[in-house]
Amino acid sequence: MKQQFSGIASILLGCFILPLSLQAQIGSRFPSERKVVRDPITGVDLVFLTSSTAGERKIYPTHNQWTSDGQWVIFHSQRAPGEAMAVHEATGEMVQVTEGGFSGMLSVARKSMKLYYMRKPRGQNAAT
């Protein structure tokens, strides 16, 4: 558990480019939606990391989605419009990893627990 915490803490620290405001939502946690359903035909367990209708989308097919430790998946979510989330593969724990919106693509480092992105200009709505 301590290693999981230090991994997500490294992601969060890697996200700080500008000082956060007092209303920062980075680090907000959302309840696990992880579900395991046995496929009735093959008998294989299917694991769903998210299951709400909040709306998720992957970063980009050719871009890394997984953190370097192989435990977290980074994705866009409408739980926090205009922000990125991380979901822990084993527990389903979800954490908001950006604040204030971002412009362009998210870039997950392959060899370190860092997430790179460009912030939206101040005053521009995070959800746009």
N, C-alpha and C. Protein backbone atom coordinates (compact mmCIF):
# COMPACT_ATOMS: atom_id res chain seq x y z
N MET A 1 0.82 -1.20 0.00
CA MET A 1 0.00 0.00 0.00
C MET A 1 0.86 1.25 0.00
N LYS A 2 1.96 1.24 0.78
CA LYS A 2 2.84 2.41 0.83
C LYS A 2 3.44 2.68 -0.55
N GLN A 3 3.79 1.62 -1.29
CA GLN A 3 4.36 1.79 -2.63
C GLN A 3 3.30 2.37 -3.57
N GLN A 4 2.04 1.97 -3.44
CA GLN A 4 0.97 2.54 -4.26
C GLN A 4 0.84 4.02 -3.98
N PHE A 5 0.86 4.42 -2.70
CA PHE A 5 0.72 5.81 -2.35
C PHE A 5 1.88 6.63 -2.90
N SER A 6 3.11 6.12 -2.78
CA SER A 6 4.25 6.88 -3.27
C SER A 6 4.20 7.00 -4.79
N GLY A 7 3.65 6.00 -5.47
CA GLY A 7 3.52 6.07 -6.92
C GLY A 7 2.57 7.17 -7.34
N ILE A 8 1.38 7.23 -6.75
CA ILE A 8 0.42 8.27 -7.11
C ILE A 8 0.92 9.63 -6.64
N ALA A 9 1.62 9.68 -5.51
CA ALA A 9 2.18 10.95 -5.05
C ALA A 9 3.18 11.48 -6.07
N SER A 10 3.96 10.60 -6.67
CA SER A 10 4.92 11.02 -7.69
C SER A 10 4.21 11.56 -8.91
N ILE A 11 3.09 10.93 -9.30
CA ILE A 11 2.31 11.45 -10.43
C ILE A 11 1.82 12.85 -10.11
N LEU A 12 1.25 13.00 -8.92
CA LEU A 12 0.71 14.31 -8.54
C LEU A 12 1.81 15.36 -8.50
N LEU A 13 2.97 15.03 -7.96
CA LEU A 13 4.07 15.99 -7.90
C LEU A 13 4.56 16.35 -9.29
N GLY A 14 4.54 15.39 -10.19
CA GLY A 14 4.97 15.65 -11.55
C GLY A 14 4.02 16.57 -12.30
N CYS A 15 2.82 16.75 -11.81
CA CYS A 15 1.82 17.58 -12.48
C CYS A 15 1.95 19.06 -12.14
N PHE A 16 2.66 19.41 -11.10
CA PHE A 16 2.71 20.80 -10.67
C PHE A 16 3.63 21.62 -11.56
N ILE A 17 3.04 22.49 -12.37
CA ILE A 17 3.80 23.42 -13.19
C ILE A 17 3.58 24.83 -12.64
N LEU A 18 2.37 25.15 -12.28
CA LEU A 18 2.02 26.44 -11.68
C LEU A 18 1.51 26.19 -10.27
N PRO A 19 1.63 27.17 -9.36
CA PRO A 19 1.09 26.98 -8.01
C PRO A 19 -0.42 26.74 -8.06
N LEU A 20 -0.90 25.89 -7.19
CA LEU A 20 -2.32 25.59 -7.15
C LEU A 20 -3.07 26.63 -6.33
N SER A 21 -4.30 26.88 -6.72
CA SER A 21 -5.13 27.79 -5.96
C SER A 21 -5.70 27.07 -4.74
N LEU A 22 -6.31 27.84 -3.86
CA LEU A 22 -6.90 27.24 -2.66
C LEU A 22 -8.07 26.32 -2.99
N GLN A 23 -8.70 26.52 -4.14
CA GLN A 23 -9.83 25.67 -4.53
C GLN A 23 -9.39 24.46 -5.34
N ALA A 24 -8.13 24.14 -5.34
CA ALA A 24 -7.62 23.05 -6.18
C ALA A 24 -8.34 21.75 -5.89
N GLN A 25 -8.65 21.02 -6.94
CA GLN A 25 -9.31 19.73 -6.81
C GLN A 25 -8.36 18.57 -7.10
N ILE A 26 -7.11 18.89 -7.43
CA ILE A 26 -6.16 17.82 -7.71
C ILE A 26 -6.05 16.93 -6.48
N GLY A 27 -6.04 15.66 -6.69
CA GLY A 27 -5.98 14.72 -5.57
C GLY A 27 -7.35 14.29 -5.08
N SER A 28 -8.42 14.88 -5.62
CA SER A 28 -9.77 14.44 -5.23
C SER A 28 -9.93 12.97 -5.56
N ARG A 29 -10.51 12.24 -4.65
CA ARG A 29 -10.69 10.80 -4.84
C ARG A 29 -12.16 10.50 -5.13
N PHE A 30 -12.35 9.52 -5.96
CA PHE A 30 -13.69 9.10 -6.35
C PHE A 30 -13.84 7.62 -6.00
N PRO A 31 -15.03 7.20 -5.64
CA PRO A 31 -15.22 5.79 -5.24
C PRO A 31 -14.93 4.82 -6.39
N SER A 32 -14.46 3.67 -6.02
CA SER A 32 -14.16 2.63 -7.00
C SER A 32 -15.44 2.20 -7.71
N GLU A 33 -15.33 2.01 -9.00
CA GLU A 33 -16.44 1.47 -9.81
C GLU A 33 -16.04 0.13 -10.40
N ARG A 34 -14.91 -0.38 -9.95
CA ARG A 34 -14.36 -1.62 -10.51
C ARG A 34 -15.37 -2.76 -10.37
N LYS A 35 -15.60 -3.44 -11.48
CA LYS A 35 -16.51 -4.59 -11.48
C LYS A 35 -15.85 -5.74 -12.23
N VAL A 36 -16.05 -6.93 -11.70
CA VAL A 36 -15.57 -8.13 -12.38
C VAL A 36 -16.80 -8.95 -12.74
N VAL A 37 -16.92 -9.25 -14.03
CA VAL A 37 -18.06 -10.01 -14.53
C VAL A 37 -17.52 -11.22 -15.28
N ARG A 38 -18.03 -12.38 -14.94
CA ARG A 38 -17.60 -13.61 -15.63
C ARG A 38 -18.36 -13.71 -16.95
N ASP A 39 -17.59 -13.87 -18.02
CA ASP A 39 -18.18 -14.04 -19.34
C ASP A 39 -18.89 -15.39 -19.35
N PRO A 40 -20.20 -15.41 -19.65
CA PRO A 40 -20.95 -16.66 -19.58
C PRO A 40 -20.55 -17.69 -20.63
N ILE A 41 -19.93 -17.26 -21.71
CA ILE A 41 -19.57 -18.20 -22.77
C ILE A 41 -18.16 -18.76 -22.55
N THR A 42 -17.19 -17.87 -22.27
CA THR A 42 -15.80 -18.32 -22.15
C THR A 42 -15.41 -18.66 -20.71
N GLY A 43 -16.15 -18.12 -19.75
CA GLY A 43 -15.81 -18.33 -18.35
C GLY A 43 -14.68 -17.43 -17.87
N VAL A 44 -14.22 -16.52 -18.71
CA VAL A 44 -13.13 -15.60 -18.37
C VAL A 44 -13.70 -14.40 -17.62
N ASP A 45 -12.98 -13.96 -16.57
CA ASP A 45 -13.39 -12.77 -15.85
C ASP A 45 -13.07 -11.52 -16.66
N LEU A 46 -14.07 -10.65 -16.83
CA LEU A 46 -13.91 -9.36 -17.50
C LEU A 46 -13.84 -8.30 -16.42
N VAL A 47 -12.80 -7.47 -16.45
CA VAL A 47 -12.62 -6.44 -15.42
C VAL A 47 -12.94 -5.08 -16.03
N PHE A 48 -13.90 -4.38 -15.43
CA PHE A 48 -14.28 -3.04 -15.84
C PHE A 48 -13.78 -2.07 -14.77
N LEU A 49 -12.86 -1.17 -15.13
CA LEU A 49 -12.30 -0.24 -14.15
C LEU A 49 -13.24 0.93 -13.87
N THR A 50 -14.07 1.29 -14.84
CA THR A 50 -15.08 2.31 -14.64
C THR A 50 -16.40 1.77 -15.14
N SER A 51 -17.48 2.19 -14.52
CA SER A 51 -18.77 1.66 -14.93
C SER A 51 -19.89 2.69 -14.85
N SER A 52 -19.55 3.95 -14.58
CA SER A 52 -20.60 4.98 -14.52
C SER A 52 -20.84 5.53 -15.92
N THR A 53 -21.83 6.38 -16.04
CA THR A 53 -22.13 7.02 -17.32
C THR A 53 -21.45 8.39 -17.40
N ALA A 54 -20.44 8.63 -16.56
CA ALA A 54 -19.76 9.93 -16.52
C ALA A 54 -19.08 10.25 -17.84
N GLY A 55 -18.66 9.27 -18.56
CA GLY A 55 -18.00 9.48 -19.84
C GLY A 55 -16.48 9.52 -19.70
N GLU A 56 -15.81 8.51 -20.18
CA GLU A 56 -14.36 8.46 -20.15
C GLU A 56 -13.85 8.30 -21.56
N ARG A 57 -12.60 8.72 -21.77
CA ARG A 57 -11.95 8.44 -23.04
C ARG A 57 -10.46 8.32 -22.81
N LYS A 58 -9.85 7.49 -23.62
CA LYS A 58 -8.41 7.26 -23.51
C LYS A 58 -7.66 8.48 -24.03
N ILE A 59 -6.37 8.53 -23.72
CA ILE A 59 -5.54 9.66 -24.13
C ILE A 59 -5.44 9.70 -25.65
N TYR A 60 -4.85 8.70 -26.26
CA TYR A 60 -4.70 8.57 -27.71
C TYR A 60 -4.16 7.17 -27.96
N PRO A 61 -4.61 6.50 -28.99
CA PRO A 61 -4.21 5.09 -29.18
C PRO A 61 -2.70 4.83 -29.19
N THR A 62 -1.91 5.77 -29.70
CA THR A 62 -0.47 5.54 -29.77
C THR A 62 0.29 6.07 -28.56
N HIS A 63 -0.40 6.72 -27.63
CA HIS A 63 0.24 7.29 -26.44
C HIS A 63 0.12 6.33 -25.26
N ASN A 64 1.13 6.36 -24.42
CA ASN A 64 1.14 5.53 -23.22
C ASN A 64 -0.04 5.91 -22.32
N GLN A 65 -0.77 4.92 -21.82
CA GLN A 65 -1.89 5.15 -20.91
C GLN A 65 -1.55 4.76 -19.47
N TRP A 66 -0.61 3.82 -19.34
CA TRP A 66 -0.27 3.24 -18.05
C TRP A 66 0.92 3.95 -17.43
N THR A 67 0.91 4.08 -16.10
CA THR A 67 2.06 4.62 -15.41
C THR A 67 3.21 3.63 -15.46
N SER A 68 4.41 4.10 -15.18
CA SER A 68 5.60 3.25 -15.33
C SER A 68 5.59 2.04 -14.39
N ASP A 69 4.87 2.12 -13.28
CA ASP A 69 4.81 0.97 -12.37
C ASP A 69 3.76 -0.05 -12.80
N GLY A 70 3.00 0.26 -13.86
CA GLY A 70 2.00 -0.66 -14.40
C GLY A 70 0.76 -0.81 -13.55
N GLN A 71 0.52 0.13 -12.62
CA GLN A 71 -0.62 -0.02 -11.70
C GLN A 71 -1.75 0.98 -11.95
N TRP A 72 -1.49 2.09 -12.61
CA TRP A 72 -2.48 3.15 -12.81
C TRP A 72 -2.70 3.40 -14.30
N VAL A 73 -3.95 3.67 -14.68
CA VAL A 73 -4.30 4.05 -16.04
C VAL A 73 -4.75 5.51 -15.99
N ILE A 74 -4.18 6.33 -16.89
CA ILE A 74 -4.54 7.75 -16.96
C ILE A 74 -5.56 7.92 -18.09
N PHE A 75 -6.62 8.73 -17.84
CA PHE A 75 -7.65 8.92 -18.85
C PHE A 75 -8.38 10.23 -18.62
N HIS A 76 -9.12 10.68 -19.62
CA HIS A 76 -9.98 11.86 -19.51
C HIS A 76 -11.31 11.41 -18.91
N SER A 77 -11.90 12.25 -18.05
CA SER A 77 -13.18 11.88 -17.47
C SER A 77 -14.06 13.11 -17.28
N GLN A 78 -15.35 12.90 -17.41
CA GLN A 78 -16.30 13.99 -17.14
C GLN A 78 -16.72 14.04 -15.67
N ARG A 79 -16.14 13.20 -14.82
CA ARG A 79 -16.38 13.32 -13.37
C ARG A 79 -15.91 14.68 -12.89
N ALA A 80 -14.80 15.11 -13.48
CA ALA A 80 -14.24 16.44 -13.25
C ALA A 80 -14.00 17.00 -14.65
N PRO A 81 -14.99 17.70 -15.22
CA PRO A 81 -14.90 18.13 -16.62
C PRO A 81 -13.61 18.87 -16.94
N GLY A 82 -12.99 18.45 -18.05
CA GLY A 82 -11.76 19.07 -18.51
C GLY A 82 -10.51 18.61 -17.80
N GLU A 83 -10.62 17.62 -16.92
CA GLU A 83 -9.48 17.16 -16.13
C GLU A 83 -9.13 15.70 -16.47
N ALA A 84 -7.99 15.27 -15.97
CA ALA A 84 -7.55 13.89 -16.15
C ALA A 84 -7.65 13.14 -14.84
N MET A 85 -7.85 11.85 -14.96
CA MET A 85 -7.99 10.97 -13.80
C MET A 85 -6.99 9.83 -13.91
N ALA A 86 -6.70 9.22 -12.76
CA ALA A 86 -5.93 7.98 -12.72
C ALA A 86 -6.78 6.95 -11.99
N VAL A 87 -6.83 5.74 -12.51
CA VAL A 87 -7.54 4.66 -11.84
C VAL A 87 -6.55 3.54 -11.57
N HIS A 88 -6.60 3.03 -10.33
CA HIS A 88 -5.71 1.94 -9.95
C HIS A 88 -6.30 0.63 -10.45
N GLU A 89 -5.50 -0.12 -11.18
CA GLU A 89 -6.01 -1.33 -11.83
C GLU A 89 -6.50 -2.38 -10.84
N ALA A 90 -5.82 -2.56 -9.73
CA ALA A 90 -6.19 -3.63 -8.79
C ALA A 90 -7.34 -3.24 -7.87
N THR A 91 -7.37 -1.97 -7.44
CA THR A 91 -8.38 -1.56 -6.45
C THR A 91 -9.54 -0.77 -7.03
N GLY A 92 -9.34 -0.15 -8.20
CA GLY A 92 -10.38 0.69 -8.79
C GLY A 92 -10.39 2.10 -8.23
N GLU A 93 -9.49 2.41 -7.29
CA GLU A 93 -9.42 3.75 -6.72
C GLU A 93 -9.17 4.76 -7.84
N MET A 94 -9.92 5.88 -7.83
CA MET A 94 -9.75 6.92 -8.84
C MET A 94 -9.32 8.23 -8.18
N VAL A 95 -8.37 8.91 -8.84
CA VAL A 95 -7.82 10.15 -8.32
C VAL A 95 -7.72 11.15 -9.46
N GLN A 96 -8.15 12.39 -9.20
CA GLN A 96 -7.99 13.46 -10.18
C GLN A 96 -6.52 13.88 -10.19
N VAL A 97 -5.89 13.95 -11.37
CA VAL A 97 -4.46 14.24 -11.44
C VAL A 97 -4.11 15.54 -12.16
N THR A 98 -5.10 16.29 -12.63
CA THR A 98 -4.85 17.63 -13.17
C THR A 98 -5.79 18.61 -12.50
N GLU A 99 -5.45 19.89 -12.61
CA GLU A 99 -6.28 20.96 -12.03
C GLU A 99 -6.20 22.17 -12.96
N GLY A 100 -7.34 22.77 -13.24
CA GLY A 100 -7.35 23.97 -14.06
C GLY A 100 -7.40 23.69 -15.55
N GLY A 101 -7.64 22.46 -15.92
CA GLY A 101 -7.72 22.09 -17.33
C GLY A 101 -6.35 21.95 -17.95
N PHE A 102 -6.33 21.40 -19.14
CA PHE A 102 -5.07 21.25 -19.87
C PHE A 102 -5.36 21.41 -21.34
N SER A 103 -4.33 21.71 -22.08
CA SER A 103 -4.44 21.94 -23.51
C SER A 103 -3.68 20.84 -24.24
N GLY A 104 -4.24 20.32 -25.30
CA GLY A 104 -3.56 19.29 -26.07
C GLY A 104 -3.64 17.92 -25.42
N MET A 105 -2.55 17.18 -25.54
CA MET A 105 -2.52 15.80 -25.09
C MET A 105 -1.86 15.65 -23.73
N LEU A 106 -2.23 14.59 -23.05
CA LEU A 106 -1.53 14.18 -21.84
C LEU A 106 -0.40 13.26 -22.27
N SER A 107 0.73 13.36 -21.59
CA SER A 107 1.86 12.50 -21.92
C SER A 107 2.35 11.82 -20.64
N VAL A 108 2.17 10.51 -20.57
CA VAL A 108 2.57 9.72 -19.40
C VAL A 108 3.99 9.22 -19.65
N ALA A 109 4.90 9.54 -18.72
CA ALA A 109 6.29 9.11 -18.85
C ALA A 109 6.37 7.59 -18.80
N ARG A 110 7.25 7.01 -19.58
CA ARG A 110 7.39 5.55 -19.62
C ARG A 110 8.30 5.00 -18.52
N LYS A 111 9.27 5.80 -18.06
CA LYS A 111 10.26 5.30 -17.10
C LYS A 111 10.21 5.98 -15.75
N SER A 112 9.26 6.88 -15.56
CA SER A 112 9.10 7.54 -14.25
C SER A 112 7.62 7.81 -14.02
N MET A 113 7.27 8.03 -12.77
CA MET A 113 5.87 8.26 -12.41
C MET A 113 5.53 9.74 -12.59
N LYS A 114 5.57 10.20 -13.84
CA LYS A 114 5.28 11.60 -14.14
C LYS A 114 4.26 11.70 -15.26
N LEU A 115 3.46 12.76 -15.17
CA LEU A 115 2.48 13.07 -16.18
C LEU A 115 2.79 14.48 -16.67
N TYR A 116 2.96 14.63 -17.97
CA TYR A 116 3.27 15.94 -18.54
C TYR A 116 2.06 16.45 -19.31
N TYR A 117 1.77 17.72 -19.16
CA TYR A 117 0.69 18.36 -19.90
C TYR A 117 0.90 19.86 -19.88
N MET A 118 0.18 20.57 -20.74
CA MET A 118 0.24 22.03 -20.76
C MET A 118 -1.06 22.56 -20.18
N ARG A 119 -0.92 23.50 -19.27
CA ARG A 119 -2.10 24.10 -18.65
C ARG A 119 -2.83 24.99 -19.63
N LYS A 120 -4.12 25.13 -19.40
CA LYS A 120 -4.91 26.10 -20.16
C LYS A 120 -4.55 27.49 -19.64
N PRO A 121 -4.64 28.50 -20.50
CA PRO A 121 -4.38 29.87 -20.02
C PRO A 121 -5.34 30.24 -18.89
N ARG A 122 -4.86 31.02 -17.95
CA ARG A 122 -5.73 31.46 -16.84
C ARG A 122 -6.96 32.16 -17.37
N GLY A 123 -8.07 31.88 -16.73
CA GLY A 123 -9.33 32.50 -17.13
C GLY A 123 -10.08 31.71 -18.19
N GLN A 124 -9.43 30.75 -18.83
CA GLN A 124 -10.10 29.91 -19.82
C GLN A 124 -10.75 28.74 -19.10
N ASN A 125 -11.99 28.46 -19.42
CA ASN A 125 -12.75 27.41 -18.78
C ASN A 125 -12.05 26.06 -18.95
N ALA A 126 -11.89 25.34 -17.84
CA ALA A 126 -11.21 24.04 -17.86
C ALA A 126 -11.94 23.02 -18.72
N ALA A 127 -13.25 23.13 -18.83
CA ALA A 127 -14.04 22.13 -19.55
C ALA A 127 -14.01 22.34 -21.06
N THR A 128 -13.40 23.42 -21.55
CA THR A 128 -13.39 23.65 -23.00
C THR A 128 -12.12 23.19 -23.63
